[in-house]
Amino acid sequence: MEFIKLKRKHRKAEQWQALARQWSASGETQKDFCIRHGLNPKTFSKWAVELLRQQEVTAKEKASASCNSALPLVTPHKSVTASDCITLSKGALKISFPLSVCPKLLDRVLLRLNALS
């Protein structure tokens, strides 16, 4: 197999992201995609791994931010059924959360409720 020396082309991260999306949608192997687009397979692979890592970090940060946000309390004027939310109670205190509440946030609230005497 003969390799053709390709002229170097510097790309920005956004361009690598676009190429990675194109490759993902193409169904081709990385090698075939790189040959068809004149890309260095090692460079393309390095960028694909880095972009995937960045996406994972961003997803974790978003999940963490939602867990650190204010408590999502259910307002009294809203019609809510028991199947729409999770309700925690301690004595006369009742707190309702949407089913989409972050488990970490719910855990923190449970710990504080249990600490109440």
Foldseek 3Di string as FASTA:
>chain_A
DDDDDDDDDDDDLVVLVVLLVVVVVPPDDLVVSCVVVVHDSVVSVVSNVVVVVVVVVVVVVVLVVQLPDDAPFDDPVDDDDPVQWDWDDDVVDITTHGPPRRPNNVVVVVVVSVVPD
